[in-house]
Amino acid sequence: MQVELINPELEAFLNNQVAEGNFPDPLAAIQAALYQFKSDVQQELDDDTVHAIQQAEVEYSRGEGIEFKEFAKEFRHRHGMNQ
């Protein structure tokens, strides 16, 4: 299989990783990235996270959600991050 990167930024990043000695060659860097991606995809959610998502879905279906801009404003205010 041959892979061609068409994004110059990604190609430069890949080449820099090899040049800095983080990987012996581009193939090793790509394989490491794919193993990490596979691990991330296969990672299961714990019971508390699943329950929180289910609860949020129930609340949203009842119309209890808020717009993201409103949430962000409240979050910044609550955590002293007013801009």
PDB file of N, CA and C in Angstrom:
ATOM      1  N   MET A   1       0.851  -1.176   0.000  1.00  0.00           N
ATOM      2  CA  MET A   1       0.000   0.000   0.000  1.00  0.00           C
ATOM      3  C   MET A   1       0.892   1.233   0.000  1.00  0.00           C
ATOM      4  N   GLN A   2       0.528   2.203  -0.801  1.00  0.00           N
ATOM      5  CA  GLN A   2       1.238   3.474  -0.802  1.00  0.00           C
ATOM      6  C   GLN A   2       0.266   4.565  -0.372  1.00  0.00           C
ATOM      7  N   VAL A   3       0.772   5.480   0.452  1.00  0.00           N
ATOM      8  CA  VAL A   3      -0.038   6.591   0.938  1.00  0.00           C
ATOM      9  C   VAL A   3       0.660   7.875   0.559  1.00  0.00           C
ATOM     10  N   GLU A   4      -0.097   8.810   0.036  1.00  0.00           N
ATOM     11  CA  GLU A   4       0.464  10.106  -0.340  1.00  0.00           C
ATOM     12  C   GLU A   4      -0.229  11.187   0.487  1.00  0.00           C
ATOM     13  N   LEU A   5       0.561  11.959   1.211  1.00  0.00           N
ATOM     14  CA  LEU A   5      -0.009  13.066   1.965  1.00  0.00           C
ATOM     15  C   LEU A   5      -0.183  14.252   1.031  1.00  0.00           C
ATOM     16  N   ILE A   6      -1.396  14.769   0.964  1.00  0.00           N
ATOM     17  CA  ILE A   6      -1.642  15.911   0.078  1.00  0.00           C
ATOM     18  C   ILE A   6      -1.684  17.223   0.852  1.00  0.00           C
ATOM     19  N   ASN A   7      -1.572  17.141   2.169  1.00  0.00           N
ATOM     20  CA  ASN A   7      -1.554  18.331   3.011  1.00  0.00           C
ATOM     21  C   ASN A   7      -0.104  18.645   3.351  1.00  0.00           C
ATOM     22  N   PRO A   8       0.436  19.755   2.831  1.00  0.00           N
ATOM     23  CA  PRO A   8       1.843  20.089   3.074  1.00  0.00           C
ATOM     24  C   PRO A   8       2.177  20.248   4.555  1.00  0.00           C
ATOM     25  N   GLU A   9       1.229  20.740   5.332  1.00  0.00           N
ATOM     26  CA  GLU A   9       1.458  20.928   6.764  1.00  0.00           C
ATOM     27  C   GLU A   9       1.668  19.584   7.464  1.00  0.00           C
ATOM     28  N   LEU A  10       0.835  18.600   7.113  1.00  0.00           N
ATOM     29  CA  LEU A  10       0.988  17.267   7.701  1.00  0.00           C
ATOM     30  C   LEU A  10       2.285  16.607   7.243  1.00  0.00           C
ATOM     31  N   GLU A  11       2.622  16.787   5.982  1.00  0.00           N
ATOM     32  CA  GLU A  11       3.862  16.210   5.474  1.00  0.00           C
ATOM     33  C   GLU A  11       5.067  16.817   6.180  1.00  0.00           C
ATOM     34  N   ALA A  12       5.051  18.127   6.392  1.00  0.00           N
ATOM     35  CA  ALA A  12       6.152  18.796   7.095  1.00  0.00           C
ATOM     36  C   ALA A  12       6.235  18.307   8.538  1.00  0.00           C
ATOM     37  N   PHE A  13       5.089  18.159   9.191  1.00  0.00           N
ATOM     38  CA  PHE A  13       5.070  17.659  10.568  1.00  0.00           C
ATOM     39  C   PHE A  13       5.667  16.261  10.635  1.00  0.00           C
ATOM     40  N   LEU A  14       5.251  15.411   9.712  1.00  0.00           N
ATOM     41  CA  LEU A  14       5.763  14.046   9.666  1.00  0.00           C
ATOM     42  C   LEU A  14       7.274  14.042   9.473  1.00  0.00           C
ATOM     43  N   ASN A  15       7.747  14.815   8.515  1.00  0.00           N
ATOM     44  CA  ASN A  15       9.186  14.887   8.250  1.00  0.00           C
ATOM     45  C   ASN A  15       9.955  15.434   9.451  1.00  0.00           C
ATOM     46  N   ASN A  16       9.378  16.405  10.145  1.00  0.00           N
ATOM     47  CA  ASN A  16      10.029  16.954  11.344  1.00  0.00           C
ATOM     48  C   ASN A  16      10.121  15.918  12.453  1.00  0.00           C
ATOM     49  N   GLN A  17       9.090  15.114  12.614  1.00  0.00           N
ATOM     50  CA  GLN A  17       9.105  14.072  13.633  1.00  0.00           C
ATOM     51  C   GLN A  17      10.228  13.072  13.368  1.00  0.00           C
ATOM     52  N   VAL A  18      10.432  12.740  12.105  1.00  0.00           N
ATOM     53  CA  VAL A  18      11.512  11.825  11.741  1.00  0.00           C
ATOM     54  C   VAL A  18      12.863  12.509  11.939  1.00  0.00           C
ATOM     55  N   ALA A  19      12.973  13.769  11.490  1.00  0.00           N
ATOM     56  CA  ALA A  19      14.232  14.505  11.608  1.00  0.00           C
ATOM     57  C   ALA A  19      14.646  14.697  13.064  1.00  0.00           C
ATOM     58  N   GLU A  20      13.671  14.864  13.952  1.00  0.00           N
ATOM     59  CA  GLU A  20      13.970  15.057  15.374  1.00  0.00           C
ATOM     60  C   GLU A  20      14.301  13.742  16.071  1.00  0.00           C
ATOM     61  N   GLY A  21      14.200  12.639  15.341  1.00  0.00           N
ATOM     62  CA  GLY A  21      14.557  11.347  15.914  1.00  0.00           C
ATOM     63  C   GLY A  21      13.437  10.663  16.673  1.00  0.00           C
ATOM     64  N   ASN A  22      12.231  11.180  16.562  1.00  0.00           N
ATOM     65  CA  ASN A  22      11.103  10.560  17.263  1.00  0.00           C
ATOM     66  C   ASN A  22      10.682   9.243  16.605  1.00  0.00           C
ATOM     67  N   PHE A  23      10.982   9.104  15.331  1.00  0.00           N
ATOM     68  CA  PHE A  23      10.664   7.890  14.575  1.00  0.00           C
ATOM     69  C   PHE A  23      11.801   7.630  13.598  1.00  0.00           C
ATOM     70  N   PRO A  24      12.064   6.344  13.299  1.00  0.00           N
ATOM     71  CA  PRO A  24      13.156   6.037  12.383  1.00  0.00           C
ATOM     72  C   PRO A  24      12.853   6.397  10.929  1.00  0.00           C
ATOM     73  N   ASP A  25      11.560   6.412  10.585  1.00  0.00           N
ATOM     74  CA  ASP A  25      11.160   6.742   9.210  1.00  0.00           C
ATOM     75  C   ASP A  25       9.686   7.137   9.209  1.00  0.00           C
ATOM     76  N   PRO A  26       9.199   7.710   8.106  1.00  0.00           N
ATOM     77  CA  PRO A  26       7.794   8.131   8.047  1.00  0.00           C
ATOM     78  C   PRO A  26       6.799   6.994   8.291  1.00  0.00           C
ATOM     79  N   LEU A  27       7.124   5.799   7.794  1.00  0.00           N
ATOM     80  CA  LEU A  27       6.216   4.667   7.982  1.00  0.00           C
ATOM     81  C   LEU A  27       6.002   4.361   9.455  1.00  0.00           C
ATOM     82  N   ALA A  28       7.071   4.411  10.237  1.00  0.00           N
ATOM     83  CA  ALA A  28       6.948   4.143  11.674  1.00  0.00           C
ATOM     84  C   ALA A  28       6.064   5.192  12.350  1.00  0.00           C
ATOM     85  N   ALA A  29       6.181   6.443  11.929  1.00  0.00           N
ATOM     86  CA  ALA A  29       5.354   7.515  12.503  1.00  0.00           C
ATOM     87  C   ALA A  29       3.880   7.310  12.155  1.00  0.00           C
ATOM     88  N   ILE A  30       3.619   6.947  10.912  1.00  0.00           N
ATOM     89  CA  ILE A  30       2.234   6.717  10.489  1.00  0.00           C
ATOM     90  C   ILE A  30       1.645   5.508  11.209  1.00  0.00           C
ATOM     91  N   GLN A  31       2.434   4.452  11.365  1.00  0.00           N
ATOM     92  CA  GLN A  31       1.939   3.284  12.089  1.00  0.00           C
ATOM     93  C   GLN A  31       1.640   3.622  13.542  1.00  0.00           C
ATOM     94  N   ALA A  32       2.490   4.412  14.180  1.00  0.00           N
ATOM     95  CA  ALA A  32       2.241   4.820  15.567  1.00  0.00           C
ATOM     96  C   ALA A  32       0.949   5.622  15.659  1.00  0.00           C
ATOM     97  N   ALA A  33       0.732   6.516  14.699  1.00  0.00           N
ATOM     98  CA  ALA A  33      -0.491   7.318  14.691  1.00  0.00           C
ATOM     99  C   ALA A  33      -1.714   6.433  14.514  1.00  0.00           C
ATOM    100  N   LEU A  34      -1.618   5.444  13.650  1.00  0.00           N
ATOM    101  CA  LEU A  34      -2.751   4.543  13.424  1.00  0.00           C
ATOM    102  C   LEU A  34      -3.034   3.670  14.643  1.00  0.00           C
ATOM    103  N   TYR A  35      -1.990   3.198  15.310  1.00  0.00           N
ATOM    104  CA  TYR A  35      -2.199   2.426  16.543  1.00  0.00           C
ATOM    105  C   TYR A  35      -2.884   3.287  17.606  1.00  0.00           C
ATOM    106  N   GLN A  36      -2.473   4.540  17.720  1.00  0.00           N
ATOM    107  CA  GLN A  36      -3.105   5.448  18.689  1.00  0.00           C
ATOM    108  C   GLN A  36      -4.558   5.689  18.322  1.00  0.00           C
ATOM    109  N   PHE A  37      -4.824   5.916  17.046  1.00  0.00           N
ATOM    110  CA  PHE A  37      -6.187   6.135  16.576  1.00  0.00           C
ATOM    111  C   PHE A  37      -7.051   4.908  16.864  1.00  0.00           C
ATOM    112  N   LYS A  38      -6.517   3.727  16.578  1.00  0.00           N
ATOM    113  CA  LYS A  38      -7.247   2.490  16.837  1.00  0.00           C
ATOM    114  C   LYS A  38      -7.563   2.349  18.324  1.00  0.00           C
ATOM    115  N   SER A  39      -6.591   2.676  19.161  1.00  0.00           N
ATOM    116  CA  SER A  39      -6.784   2.604  20.606  1.00  0.00           C
ATOM    117  C   SER A  39      -7.871   3.572  21.061  1.00  0.00           C
ATOM    118  N   ASP A  40      -7.839   4.788  20.522  1.00  0.00           N
ATOM    119  CA  ASP A  40      -8.837   5.800  20.887  1.00  0.00           C
ATOM    120  C   ASP A  40     -10.234   5.357  20.482  1.00  0.00           C
ATOM    121  N   VAL A  41     -10.361   4.769  19.300  1.00  0.00           N
ATOM    122  CA  VAL A  41     -11.661   4.339  18.791  1.00  0.00           C
ATOM    123  C   VAL A  41     -12.215   3.191  19.621  1.00  0.00           C
ATOM    124  N   GLN A  42     -11.341   2.292  20.053  1.00  0.00           N
ATOM    125  CA  GLN A  42     -11.787   1.105  20.771  1.00  0.00           C
ATOM    126  C   GLN A  42     -12.016   1.345  22.263  1.00  0.00           C
ATOM    127  N   GLN A  43     -11.598   2.500  22.754  1.00  0.00           N
ATOM    128  CA  GLN A  43     -11.730   2.773  24.180  1.00  0.00           C
ATOM    129  C   GLN A  43     -13.210   2.867  24.551  1.00  0.00           C
ATOM    130  N   GLU A  44     -13.601   2.105  25.547  1.00  0.00           N
ATOM    131  CA  GLU A  44     -14.996   2.098  25.977  1.00  0.00           C
ATOM    132  C   GLU A  44     -15.235   3.164  27.038  1.00  0.00           C
ATOM    133  N   LEU A  45     -16.458   3.631  27.093  1.00  0.00           N
ATOM    134  CA  LEU A  45     -16.850   4.603  28.108  1.00  0.00           C
ATOM    135  C   LEU A  45     -17.174   3.871  29.401  1.00  0.00           C
ATOM    136  N   ASP A  46     -16.821   4.495  30.530  1.00  0.00           N
ATOM    137  CA  ASP A  46     -17.161   3.875  31.808  1.00  0.00           C
ATOM    138  C   ASP A  46     -18.642   4.084  32.104  1.00  0.00           C
ATOM    139  N   ASP A  47     -19.151   3.371  33.092  1.00  0.00           N
ATOM    140  CA  ASP A  47     -20.584   3.402  33.406  1.00  0.00           C
ATOM    141  C   ASP A  47     -21.072   4.794  33.773  1.00  0.00           C
ATOM    142  N   ASP A  48     -20.262   5.562  34.520  1.00  0.00           N
ATOM    143  CA  ASP A  48     -20.663   6.913  34.916  1.00  0.00           C
ATOM    144  C   ASP A  48     -20.820   7.811  33.696  1.00  0.00           C
ATOM    145  N   THR A  49     -19.913   7.682  32.731  1.00  0.00           N
ATOM    146  CA  THR A  49     -19.986   8.511  31.524  1.00  0.00           C
ATOM    147  C   THR A  49     -21.202   8.145  30.696  1.00  0.00           C
ATOM    148  N   VAL A  50     -21.464   6.844  30.548  1.00  0.00           N
ATOM    149  CA  VAL A  50     -22.639   6.391  29.804  1.00  0.00           C
ATOM    150  C   VAL A  50     -23.907   6.916  30.474  1.00  0.00           C
ATOM    151  N   HIS A  51     -23.966   6.841  31.792  1.00  0.00           N
ATOM    152  CA  HIS A  51     -25.142   7.331  32.526  1.00  0.00           C
ATOM    153  C   HIS A  51     -25.317   8.833  32.323  1.00  0.00           C
ATOM    154  N   ALA A  52     -24.229   9.588  32.378  1.00  0.00           N
ATOM    155  CA  ALA A  52     -24.308  11.048  32.193  1.00  0.00           C
ATOM    156  C   ALA A  52     -24.804  11.393  30.792  1.00  0.00           C
ATOM    157  N   ILE A  53     -24.340  10.666  29.794  1.00  0.00           N
ATOM    158  CA  ILE A  53     -24.801  10.906  28.420  1.00  0.00           C
ATOM    159  C   ILE A  53     -26.282  10.585  28.290  1.00  0.00           C
ATOM    160  N   GLN A  54     -26.705   9.477  28.864  1.00  0.00           N
ATOM    161  CA  GLN A  54     -28.120   9.101  28.802  1.00  0.00           C
ATOM    162  C   GLN A  54     -28.982  10.143  29.499  1.00  0.00           C
ATOM    163  N   GLN A  55     -28.532  10.626  30.653  1.00  0.00           N
ATOM    164  CA  GLN A  55     -29.278  11.639  31.390  1.00  0.00           C
ATOM    165  C   GLN A  55     -29.380  12.926  30.579  1.00  0.00           C
ATOM    166  N   ALA A  56     -28.283  13.298  29.935  1.00  0.00           N
ATOM    167  CA  ALA A  56     -28.289  14.508  29.107  1.00  0.00           C
ATOM    168  C   ALA A  56     -29.262  14.367  27.941  1.00  0.00           C
ATOM    169  N   GLU A  57     -29.315  13.189  27.333  1.00  0.00           N
ATOM    170  CA  GLU A  57     -30.247  12.958  26.230  1.00  0.00           C
ATOM    171  C   GLU A  57     -31.697  13.086  26.691  1.00  0.00           C
ATOM    172  N   VAL A  58     -32.001  12.568  27.885  1.00  0.00           N
ATOM    173  CA  VAL A  58     -33.352  12.673  28.437  1.00  0.00           C
ATOM    174  C   VAL A  58     -33.704  14.139  28.674  1.00  0.00           C
ATOM    175  N   GLU A  59     -32.767  14.866  29.289  1.00  0.00           N
ATOM    176  CA  GLU A  59     -33.008  16.285  29.563  1.00  0.00           C
ATOM    177  C   GLU A  59     -33.189  17.074  28.272  1.00  0.00           C
ATOM    178  N   TYR A  60     -32.376  16.775  27.277  1.00  0.00           N
ATOM    179  CA  TYR A  60     -32.470  17.478  25.994  1.00  0.00           C
ATOM    180  C   TYR A  60     -33.817  17.196  25.330  1.00  0.00           C
ATOM    181  N   SER A  61     -34.267  15.950  25.406  1.00  0.00           N
ATOM    182  CA  SER A  61     -35.552  15.594  24.786  1.00  0.00           C
ATOM    183  C   SER A  61     -36.717  16.306  25.462  1.00  0.00           C
ATOM    184  N   ARG A  62     -36.531  16.723  26.719  1.00  0.00           N
ATOM    185  CA  ARG A  62     -37.561  17.478  27.433  1.00  0.00           C
ATOM    186  C   ARG A  62     -37.433  18.979  27.189  1.00  0.00           C
ATOM    187  N   GLY A  63     -36.479  19.368  26.347  1.00  0.00           N
ATOM    188  CA  GLY A  63     -36.301  20.783  26.034  1.00  0.00           C
ATOM    189  C   GLY A  63     -35.504  21.532  27.081  1.00  0.00           C
ATOM    190  N   GLU A  64     -34.725  20.827  27.873  1.00  0.00           N
ATOM    191  CA  GLU A  64     -33.983  21.462  28.955  1.00  0.00           C
ATOM    192  C   GLU A  64     -32.582  21.926  28.544  1.00  0.00           C
ATOM    193  N   GLY A  65     -32.227  21.774  27.277  1.00  0.00           N
ATOM    194  CA  GLY A  65     -30.900  22.186  26.829  1.00  0.00           C
ATOM    195  C   GLY A  65     -30.798  23.693  26.702  1.00  0.00           C
ATOM    196  N   ILE A  66     -29.573  24.202  26.624  1.00  0.00           N
ATOM    197  CA  ILE A  66     -29.337  25.624  26.405  1.00  0.00           C
ATOM    198  C   ILE A  66     -28.386  25.771  25.222  1.00  0.00           C
ATOM    199  N   GLU A  67     -28.400  26.935  24.608  1.00  0.00           N
ATOM    200  CA  GLU A  67     -27.500  27.219  23.489  1.00  0.00           C
ATOM    201  C   GLU A  67     -26.063  27.243  23.985  1.00  0.00           C
ATOM    202  N   PHE A  68     -25.135  26.843  23.114  1.00  0.00           N
ATOM    203  CA  PHE A  68     -23.731  26.770  23.507  1.00  0.00           C
ATOM    204  C   PHE A  68     -23.209  28.127  23.951  1.00  0.00           C
ATOM    205  N   LYS A  69     -23.566  29.200  23.251  1.00  0.00           N
ATOM    206  CA  LYS A  69     -23.072  30.535  23.621  1.00  0.00           C
ATOM    207  C   LYS A  69     -23.493  30.887  25.045  1.00  0.00           C
ATOM    208  N   GLU A  70     -24.716  30.537  25.412  1.00  0.00           N
ATOM    209  CA  GLU A  70     -25.196  30.798  26.766  1.00  0.00           C
ATOM    210  C   GLU A  70     -24.421  29.955  27.777  1.00  0.00           C
ATOM    211  N   PHE A  71     -24.212  28.667  27.451  1.00  0.00           N
ATOM    212  CA  PHE A  71     -23.441  27.791  28.331  1.00  0.00           C
ATOM    213  C   PHE A  71     -22.030  28.335  28.525  1.00  0.00           C
ATOM    214  N   ALA A  72     -21.380  28.723  27.423  1.00  0.00           N
ATOM    215  CA  ALA A  72     -20.004  29.220  27.494  1.00  0.00           C
ATOM    216  C   ALA A  72     -19.926  30.477  28.355  1.00  0.00           C
ATOM    217  N   LYS A  73     -20.910  31.358  28.202  1.00  0.00           N
ATOM    218  CA  LYS A  73     -20.928  32.586  28.997  1.00  0.00           C
ATOM    219  C   LYS A  73     -21.076  32.256  30.478  1.00  0.00           C
ATOM    220  N   GLU A  74     -21.995  31.357  30.829  1.00  0.00           N
ATOM    221  CA  GLU A  74     -22.193  30.951  32.220  1.00  0.00           C
ATOM    222  C   GLU A  74     -20.957  30.246  32.773  1.00  0.00           C
ATOM    223  N   PHE A  75     -20.331  29.407  31.961  1.00  0.00           N
ATOM    224  CA  PHE A  75     -19.137  28.676  32.382  1.00  0.00           C
ATOM    225  C   PHE A  75     -18.003  29.646  32.695  1.00  0.00           C
ATOM    226  N   ARG A  76     -17.770  30.604  31.796  1.00  0.00           N
ATOM    227  CA  ARG A  76     -16.710  31.592  32.026  1.00  0.00           C
ATOM    228  C   ARG A  76     -16.988  32.401  33.283  1.00  0.00           C
ATOM    229  N   HIS A  77     -18.237  32.788  33.477  1.00  0.00           N
ATOM    230  CA  HIS A  77     -18.591  33.566  34.672  1.00  0.00           C
ATOM    231  C   HIS A  77     -18.392  32.730  35.941  1.00  0.00           C
ATOM    232  N   ARG A  78     -18.846  31.494  35.919  1.00  0.00           N
ATOM    233  CA  ARG A  78     -18.749  30.621  37.089  1.00  0.00           C
ATOM    234  C   ARG A  78     -17.295  30.327  37.474  1.00  0.00           C
ATOM    235  N   HIS A  79     -16.412  30.298  36.491  1.00  0.00           N
ATOM    236  CA  HIS A  79     -15.031  29.951  36.738  1.00  0.00           C
ATOM    237  C   HIS A  79     -14.077  31.153  36.681  1.00  0.00           C
ATOM    238  N   GLY A  80     -14.658  32.352  36.791  1.00  0.00           N
ATOM    239  CA  GLY A  80     -13.845  33.560  36.838  1.00  0.00           C
ATOM    240  C   GLY A  80     -13.041  33.811  35.578  1.00  0.00           C
ATOM    241  N   MET A  81     -13.614  33.467  34.464  1.00  0.00           N
ATOM    242  CA  MET A  81     -12.898  33.616  33.192  1.00  0.00           C
ATOM    243  C   MET A  81     -13.553  34.698  32.327  1.00  0.00           C
ATOM    244  N   ASN A  82     -14.173  35.679  32.944  1.00  0.00           N
ATOM    245  CA  ASN A  82     -14.845  36.735  32.183  1.00  0.00           C
ATOM    246  C   ASN A  82     -13.852  37.480  31.326  1.00  0.00           C
ATOM    247  N   GLN A  83     -14.283  37.745  30.114  1.00  0.00           N
ATOM    248  CA  GLN A  83     -13.398  38.470  29.179  1.00  0.00           C
ATOM    249  C   GLN A  83     -14.001  39.793  28.824  1.00  0.00           C
TER     250      GLN A  83
END
